[in-house]
Each structure stands twice: as C-alpha cells, then as structure tokens.
Amino acid sequence: MYTIPGHHHISMLTKNAKENHFFYHKILGLRRVKMTVNQDDPSMYHLFYGDRTGSPGTELSFFEMPYIGQTYRGTNAITQIGLLVPSHESLLYWKNRFEKFHVSHSNITTYADRPALHFEDTEGLRMVLLVANGEKVAHWEAWEHAIIPVEHQIQGMGTIEITVRRLNKLARTLKEVLGYTEVSRTEEAAIFQSVTGEVFGEIVIKSMDGPIEKPGRGSIHHVAIRARNKDELIDWDERIRKRGFQSSGIIDRFYFHSLYFRESNGILFEIATDGPGFTVDAKIEDLGTKLTLPPFLEGRRAEIEANLSPLGVE
C-alpha cells in the first residue's frame, strides 16, 4: 500500500497578479518559480511560489481572476494554510516584518500544539507561521537570492486547515482511502498526519455548521497532496474510484501528473507527482522570469500573451 509523503502544493484565487507577486515575493520572500497560465483556461495567469526550485511541499499557486468578487467565508472550505519557519526567533522576526509592511497579523500564540503567528495577505487569505521544531519539507532548498535571511526563510507548507459540516466523513476519507493517521480529536476538531509525527503532511479538520463558503479573491481552490511517481498515482486513482468517488483520471500537467476528486463535503483534492518539476523547461537561475507554457499550448503563445498583462521579472 502506497503512502502520501506530504503536501504537494495549494492553489488559491487572486484578483491582481502584480499585487500578489509583491506580497509573496517582496514581503514573504518566496521565489516565483513559475509564471505560466491555467492549462484549462489559458486566459488567466497561474503563478507558483516556493523554494529555490519550487520543490513539492513548498508551492503556493495562484490563479489570477481580475473580475472575481470577495470571499464570503463559511464552512465546507479549505480555510487556512500553515507555513513552516525554523524557530521561535523567526516568529519574532516575522512579527516585526509584518508590522513594518502593515500586514494584518495576530500576536504570537499556539496552533496545532506549535508556536504560531497568524496573518492574512492583502486579499484576506488566512495563513499561519508555525515553528517546525526541526521538521522541514525533505526537498526544501534555501534560495540564495531571497530577501529574507536563511535562518528565517519559510521552509514549505505545514498544517492545512479544512472546515466542514461533516467532520467524520472527511476523517474517514483521510484514514480509509488516503492512509492518514488520526493523532488527536475533540468534539470540534481533529488532526491527521500522512507521515506520523511530521507537520509537512498535517491536516486539521474543524467542524462548523452554517452557510457554505462562497469563493472569491483570497479563497483556497484546492489542496494537492503528493504521489512519488505516476505508478503510485495510477494506484491512487483506482482506490479513489473503488471508494465511489468520481476521479478526473490522470492528467498530464507537464510539470507533474495529477488527478482530482471531491470528497463528501465538496472539498477538492488533487494528488500530484513529485516530478518532473519546474526545471523541465527552464534553468534554475531563470525560474519564474518569463512566461513558460506547456508544449500543447506553445503554438498559441502569441494569442495567450496578447490577453495577459505583463508582470515583469520583479
């Protein structure tokens, strides 16, 4: 039986790609590792931020939708992203940095039993910095040109929070289909890990009744979890179908292969392979500096570029 090694990436909606780039590159210090388009709708940018090479487990991705409205928060949604930092001193560094750039943030607190600092981007996307306690995404590489000192750089994705009406339904999917381990539970929440004891594959489920979230700018579209290779992905596809979920089937995204399915609360999961990665069509030093397209879209480059506003390198 295959196991999930951790998170792969998480995808959000943004109204303005330039402002998005400023926040994640200039404030959070992440590298824009890929500037491409939504392969299902190439009229919109798809931006990826991460470590030096955009390693699996470090990637935050955004679809630009200029006419999108605001998010109306509610249940049956992915509601918060955890990002790992090395130490408690890092939380103090980031608290001072958020104050300098007028980023909405909390005081230093705890979340999922770890020292934490909650904050939001300019569109209201909820995130939390978590002290990794020595844990880090296995493939994480420091980016030598980051504006953040290496001892405080964000080291990938940690705890992902999902809020649903039916906690037990999602819990059974994580445990019985995807092989997660339940590590704690109360009436209001439960914590699951794909790798026992490690935060980079951790999911917190919160139980909340009420209206379903209406997505908009700053909302989370889906979470992707890792498969090591295409053979594993084929196995996951079979297991998901046997459980009765509708799978998208395996899709070649050029940078990885993936499949999509919705669990019973409507949460969209993607399972994505580790490779071939973002260096398949770019040198490491050139990542994110120009628009790159998968081969099946390359013939439409002139049309695609004409419909996009230039973002520039920085």
Protein backbone atom coordinates (compact mmCIF):
# COMPACT_ATOMS: atom_id res chain seq x y z
CA MET A 1 0.00 0.00 0.00
CA TYR A 2 1.42 3.37 -1.02
CA THR A 3 1.51 6.30 1.40
CA ILE A 4 1.20 10.07 0.97
CA PRO A 5 4.63 11.68 1.67
CA GLY A 6 3.07 15.07 2.46
CA HIS A 7 1.58 18.15 0.84
CA HIS A 8 2.47 18.96 -2.78
CA HIS A 9 1.00 22.43 -3.38
CA ILE A 10 -2.06 24.51 -2.62
CA SER A 11 -3.94 26.72 -5.10
CA MET A 12 -5.73 30.00 -4.46
CA LEU A 13 -7.62 32.73 -6.32
CA THR A 14 -6.26 36.26 -6.68
CA LYS A 15 -7.70 39.36 -8.30
CA ASN A 16 -4.39 41.04 -9.17
CA ALA A 17 -1.24 39.12 -10.15
CA LYS A 18 1.09 42.12 -9.73
CA GLU A 19 -0.06 42.81 -6.18
CA ASN A 20 0.04 39.09 -5.46
CA HIS A 21 3.66 38.94 -6.67
CA PHE A 22 4.63 41.87 -4.47
CA PHE A 23 3.20 40.24 -1.35
CA TYR A 24 4.58 36.74 -1.80
CA HIS A 25 7.92 37.71 -3.34
CA LYS A 26 8.74 41.06 -1.73
CA ILE A 27 7.17 40.56 1.72
CA LEU A 28 7.22 36.80 2.30
CA GLY A 29 10.46 36.38 0.36
CA LEU A 30 9.32 33.36 -1.65
CA ARG A 31 10.69 32.77 -5.11
CA ARG A 32 8.33 32.98 -8.05
CA VAL A 33 9.37 29.69 -9.61
CA LYS A 34 6.87 29.51 -12.46
CA MET A 35 4.90 32.10 -14.38
CA THR A 36 2.51 30.16 -16.57
CA VAL A 37 -1.23 30.00 -17.34
CA ASN A 38 -4.17 27.94 -16.20
CA GLN A 39 -3.97 25.00 -18.57
CA ASP A 40 -7.77 24.65 -18.61
CA ASP A 41 -8.27 28.39 -19.23
CA PRO A 42 -5.07 29.98 -20.61
CA SER A 43 -6.57 33.46 -20.45
CA MET A 44 -5.51 33.64 -16.79
CA TYR A 45 -2.10 33.58 -15.14
CA HIS A 46 -1.09 30.67 -12.94
CA LEU A 47 1.74 31.72 -10.62
CA PHE A 48 3.77 29.40 -8.39
CA TYR A 49 5.92 30.50 -5.43
CA GLY A 50 8.20 28.27 -3.39
CA ASP A 51 11.79 27.49 -2.50
CA ARG A 52 14.79 27.63 -4.83
CA THR A 53 13.28 25.19 -7.35
CA GLY A 54 9.62 25.05 -6.32
CA SER A 55 10.06 21.69 -4.61
CA PRO A 56 6.97 19.58 -3.81
CA GLY A 57 5.66 20.69 -0.43
CA THR A 58 6.78 24.32 -0.83
CA GLU A 59 4.50 25.53 -3.61
CA LEU A 60 1.80 28.20 -3.21
CA SER A 61 -0.02 28.72 -6.50
CA PHE A 62 -2.48 31.38 -7.61
CA PHE A 63 -4.93 31.73 -10.47
CA GLU A 64 -5.47 35.37 -11.47
CA MET A 65 -9.15 36.23 -11.99
CA PRO A 66 -9.40 40.03 -12.46
CA TYR A 67 -13.19 40.17 -12.17
CA ILE A 68 -13.56 37.98 -9.11
CA GLY A 69 -15.56 39.27 -6.14
CA GLN A 70 -14.94 38.95 -2.44
CA THR A 71 -14.95 35.72 -0.45
CA TYR A 72 -17.93 35.09 1.82
CA ARG A 73 -16.45 32.89 4.50
CA GLY A 74 -18.24 29.76 5.62
CA THR A 75 -17.94 26.05 6.01
CA ASN A 76 -17.03 23.21 3.60
CA ALA A 77 -13.85 25.01 2.57
CA ILE A 78 -10.09 24.93 2.99
CA THR A 79 -9.71 27.77 5.45
CA GLN A 80 -6.05 28.26 6.41
CA ILE A 81 -2.51 27.48 5.23
CA GLY A 82 0.32 26.69 7.62
CA LEU A 83 3.83 27.77 6.60
CA LEU A 84 6.92 26.49 8.40
CA VAL A 85 9.66 28.65 9.92
CA PRO A 86 12.73 27.36 11.75
CA SER A 87 12.41 28.82 15.26
CA HIS A 88 10.58 30.96 17.80
CA GLU A 89 13.07 33.72 16.95
CA SER A 90 11.74 33.51 13.40
CA LEU A 91 8.25 34.33 14.65
CA LEU A 92 9.63 37.48 16.29
CA TYR A 93 11.40 38.39 13.05
CA TRP A 94 8.19 37.93 11.05
CA LYS A 95 6.05 39.82 13.57
CA ASN A 96 8.36 42.82 13.20
CA ARG A 97 8.35 42.46 9.41
CA PHE A 98 4.54 42.31 9.29
CA GLU A 99 4.36 45.47 11.38
CA LYS A 100 6.78 47.20 9.00
CA PHE A 101 4.69 46.30 5.94
CA HIS A 102 1.30 46.77 7.68
CA VAL A 103 0.34 43.11 7.25
CA SER A 104 -2.66 42.05 9.32
CA HIS A 105 -1.41 39.62 12.00
CA SER A 106 -2.03 38.25 15.47
CA ASN A 107 0.21 38.10 18.49
CA ILE A 108 2.43 35.05 18.84
CA THR A 109 0.23 32.20 20.03
CA THR A 110 -0.11 28.46 19.54
CA TYR A 111 -1.85 26.46 16.84
CA ALA A 112 -1.99 22.66 16.49
CA ASP A 113 0.35 22.44 19.51
CA ARG A 114 3.06 24.61 17.92
CA PRO A 115 4.18 28.22 18.43
CA ALA A 116 2.37 30.22 15.78
CA LEU A 117 1.76 33.63 14.22
CA HIS A 118 -1.47 34.10 12.26
CA PHE A 119 -1.59 36.59 9.38
CA GLU A 120 -3.51 37.46 6.21
CA ASP A 121 -2.44 38.65 2.79
CA THR A 122 -3.96 41.75 1.18
CA GLU A 123 -6.94 39.75 -0.09
CA GLY A 124 -7.80 38.14 3.23
CA LEU A 125 -6.20 34.73 2.63
CA ARG A 126 -5.64 33.23 6.08
CA MET A 127 -2.21 31.81 6.88
CA VAL A 128 -0.22 30.89 9.97
CA LEU A 129 3.52 30.66 10.51
CA LEU A 130 4.41 27.56 12.54
CA VAL A 131 7.66 26.68 14.26
CA ALA A 132 8.81 23.49 12.60
CA ASN A 133 10.71 22.09 15.62
CA GLY A 134 13.35 20.59 13.35
CA GLU A 135 10.83 19.25 10.83
CA LYS A 136 11.04 20.53 7.29
CA VAL A 137 9.96 19.52 3.83
CA ALA A 138 12.56 16.99 2.69
CA HIS A 139 13.24 18.68 -0.65
CA TRP A 140 13.33 22.26 0.69
CA GLU A 141 16.25 24.33 -0.60
CA ALA A 142 17.12 27.79 0.63
CA TRP A 143 17.01 30.43 -2.10
CA GLU A 144 20.32 32.27 -2.11
CA HIS A 145 18.82 35.48 -3.55
CA ALA A 146 15.89 35.74 -1.12
CA ILE A 147 15.46 38.99 0.76
CA ILE A 148 14.78 37.00 3.93
CA PRO A 149 17.81 35.72 5.91
CA VAL A 150 18.16 31.95 5.51
CA GLU A 151 17.65 31.41 9.26
CA HIS A 152 14.14 32.85 8.96
CA GLN A 153 13.06 31.75 5.48
CA ILE A 154 9.74 29.97 5.06
CA GLN A 155 10.52 26.25 4.70
CA GLY A 156 7.40 24.98 2.98
CA MET A 157 3.84 24.09 3.88
CA GLY A 158 2.78 22.87 7.30
CA THR A 159 -0.67 22.29 8.76
CA ILE A 160 -3.56 22.79 6.33
CA GLU A 161 -6.92 23.61 7.93
CA ILE A 162 -10.18 22.37 6.41
CA THR A 163 -13.56 23.37 7.86
CA VAL A 164 -16.55 21.13 7.13
CA ARG A 165 -20.07 20.34 8.26
CA ARG A 166 -19.42 16.60 8.45
CA LEU A 167 -16.09 16.02 10.14
CA ASN A 168 -16.46 12.24 10.27
CA LYS A 169 -17.00 11.97 6.51
CA LEU A 170 -13.73 13.74 5.74
CA ALA A 171 -11.96 11.87 8.53
CA ARG A 172 -12.90 8.53 7.04
CA THR A 173 -11.69 9.61 3.60
CA LEU A 174 -8.32 10.66 5.01
CA LYS A 175 -7.91 7.48 7.05
CA GLU A 176 -9.54 4.77 4.96
CA VAL A 177 -8.76 5.99 1.44
CA LEU A 178 -5.59 8.08 1.74
CA GLY A 179 -3.97 6.34 4.71
CA TYR A 180 -3.64 9.30 7.09
CA THR A 181 -3.26 8.69 10.83
CA GLU A 182 -5.55 10.43 13.32
CA VAL A 183 -3.34 11.88 16.06
CA SER A 184 -5.87 13.82 18.16
CA ARG A 185 -9.57 14.63 18.32
CA THR A 186 -12.04 16.80 20.22
CA GLU A 187 -15.71 17.48 19.51
CA GLU A 188 -14.74 20.49 17.40
CA ALA A 189 -11.59 19.37 15.58
CA ALA A 190 -9.27 16.52 14.66
CA ILE A 191 -5.65 16.38 13.49
CA PHE A 192 -4.39 13.95 10.85
CA GLN A 193 -0.90 13.27 9.52
CA SER A 194 0.17 11.50 6.36
CA VAL A 195 3.57 10.82 7.95
CA THR A 196 3.22 10.22 11.68
CA GLY A 197 4.92 12.90 13.73
CA GLU A 198 5.63 15.20 10.79
CA VAL A 199 3.95 18.56 10.22
CA PHE A 200 4.52 18.77 6.45
CA GLY A 201 1.68 16.30 5.83
CA GLU A 202 -0.66 17.51 8.57
CA ILE A 203 -4.33 18.40 8.15
CA VAL A 204 -6.60 19.89 10.80
CA ILE A 205 -10.31 19.32 10.29
CA LYS A 206 -12.64 21.75 12.06
CA SER A 207 -16.33 21.06 12.45
CA MET A 208 -18.62 24.00 11.71
CA ASP A 209 -22.23 24.17 10.60
CA GLY A 210 -23.72 27.09 8.70
CA PRO A 211 -23.60 28.50 5.17
CA ILE A 212 -21.11 27.05 2.70
CA GLU A 213 -18.24 29.39 1.83
CA LYS A 214 -18.68 31.40 -1.37
CA PRO A 215 -15.24 31.57 -3.01
CA GLY A 216 -13.67 34.82 -4.18
CA ARG A 217 -10.35 36.64 -4.04
CA GLY A 218 -8.18 35.19 -1.32
CA SER A 219 -10.03 31.88 -1.17
CA ILE A 220 -8.42 28.46 -1.49
CA HIS A 221 -9.44 26.45 -4.54
CA HIS A 222 -7.87 23.08 -3.73
CA VAL A 223 -5.09 21.31 -1.88
CA ALA A 224 -2.71 18.92 -3.64
CA ILE A 225 -1.01 16.04 -1.86
CA ARG A 226 1.99 14.06 -3.07
CA ALA A 227 2.46 10.88 -5.02
CA ARG A 228 6.07 9.92 -5.69
CA ASN A 229 5.54 8.92 -9.31
CA LYS A 230 2.97 8.03 -11.94
CA ASP A 231 2.74 4.37 -10.89
CA GLU A 232 1.63 5.47 -7.44
CA LEU A 233 -0.83 7.91 -8.99
CA ILE A 234 -2.43 5.10 -11.03
CA ASP A 235 -2.90 3.14 -7.80
CA TRP A 236 -4.47 6.13 -6.04
CA ASP A 237 -6.85 6.60 -8.99
CA GLU A 238 -8.05 3.01 -8.66
CA ARG A 239 -8.53 3.29 -4.89
CA ILE A 240 -10.47 6.54 -5.16
CA ARG A 241 -12.81 5.08 -7.79
CA LYS A 242 -13.36 1.91 -5.73
CA ARG A 243 -14.43 4.11 -2.82
CA GLY A 244 -17.15 5.58 -5.03
CA PHE A 245 -15.64 8.99 -5.65
CA GLN A 246 -15.55 10.43 -9.15
CA SER A 247 -11.97 10.88 -10.31
CA SER A 248 -10.82 13.21 -13.06
CA GLY A 249 -8.50 10.48 -14.25
CA ILE A 250 -4.79 11.14 -14.65
CA ILE A 251 -3.96 14.45 -16.32
CA ASP A 252 -0.56 15.41 -17.72
CA ARG A 253 0.21 18.89 -16.36
CA PHE A 254 3.72 18.76 -17.92
CA TYR A 255 5.37 19.79 -14.63
CA PHE A 256 3.68 16.87 -12.89
CA HIS A 257 0.88 14.34 -13.43
CA SER A 258 -2.19 14.65 -11.27
CA LEU A 259 -5.78 13.63 -10.59
CA TYR A 260 -8.65 15.42 -8.86
CA PHE A 261 -11.58 14.27 -6.74
CA ARG A 262 -14.09 15.81 -4.35
CA GLU A 263 -14.84 14.21 -1.01
CA SER A 264 -18.33 14.17 0.52
CA ASN A 265 -18.22 17.75 1.88
CA GLY A 266 -17.19 19.08 -1.53
CA ILE A 267 -13.51 19.66 -0.69
CA LEU A 268 -11.42 19.38 -3.86
CA PHE A 269 -8.26 17.27 -3.52
CA GLU A 270 -5.53 16.88 -6.10
CA ILE A 271 -2.91 14.14 -5.96
CA ALA A 272 0.21 15.21 -7.87
CA THR A 273 3.51 13.52 -8.69
CA ASP A 274 6.84 14.86 -7.47
CA GLY A 275 8.27 15.15 -10.96
CA PRO A 276 9.38 16.14 -13.43
CA GLY A 277 9.22 19.56 -11.74
CA PHE A 278 9.65 23.17 -12.81
CA THR A 279 13.18 22.76 -14.17
CA VAL A 280 11.91 20.58 -17.03
CA ASP A 281 11.68 23.68 -19.26
CA ALA A 282 13.90 26.24 -17.51
CA LYS A 283 17.31 26.56 -15.91
CA ILE A 284 17.28 27.03 -12.15
CA GLU A 285 18.62 30.59 -12.45
CA ASP A 286 15.82 31.51 -14.90
CA LEU A 287 12.84 30.09 -13.00
CA GLY A 288 9.88 32.45 -12.89
CA THR A 289 11.45 35.17 -15.02
CA LYS A 290 9.36 34.71 -18.14
CA LEU A 291 6.09 33.16 -19.27
CA THR A 292 6.50 29.44 -19.79
CA LEU A 293 3.88 27.28 -21.48
CA PRO A 294 3.46 23.51 -21.67
CA PRO A 295 4.15 22.13 -25.16
CA PHE A 296 0.48 21.73 -26.07
CA LEU A 297 -0.06 25.49 -25.56
CA GLU A 298 3.18 26.74 -27.12
CA GLY A 299 1.59 27.11 -30.56
CA ARG A 300 -0.87 29.61 -29.04
CA ARG A 301 1.80 31.76 -27.36
CA ALA A 302 1.09 34.97 -29.33
CA GLU A 303 -2.65 34.74 -28.60
CA ILE A 304 -2.06 33.93 -24.92
CA GLU A 305 0.47 36.71 -24.36
CA ALA A 306 -1.85 39.23 -26.03
CA ASN A 307 -4.51 38.51 -23.39
CA LEU A 308 -2.18 38.83 -20.37
CA SER A 309 -0.86 41.96 -18.67
CA PRO A 310 2.96 41.88 -18.46
CA LEU A 311 4.24 41.15 -14.94
CA GLY A 312 7.99 41.59 -15.38
CA VAL A 313 10.76 39.80 -13.55
CA GLU A 314 10.48 41.64 -10.23
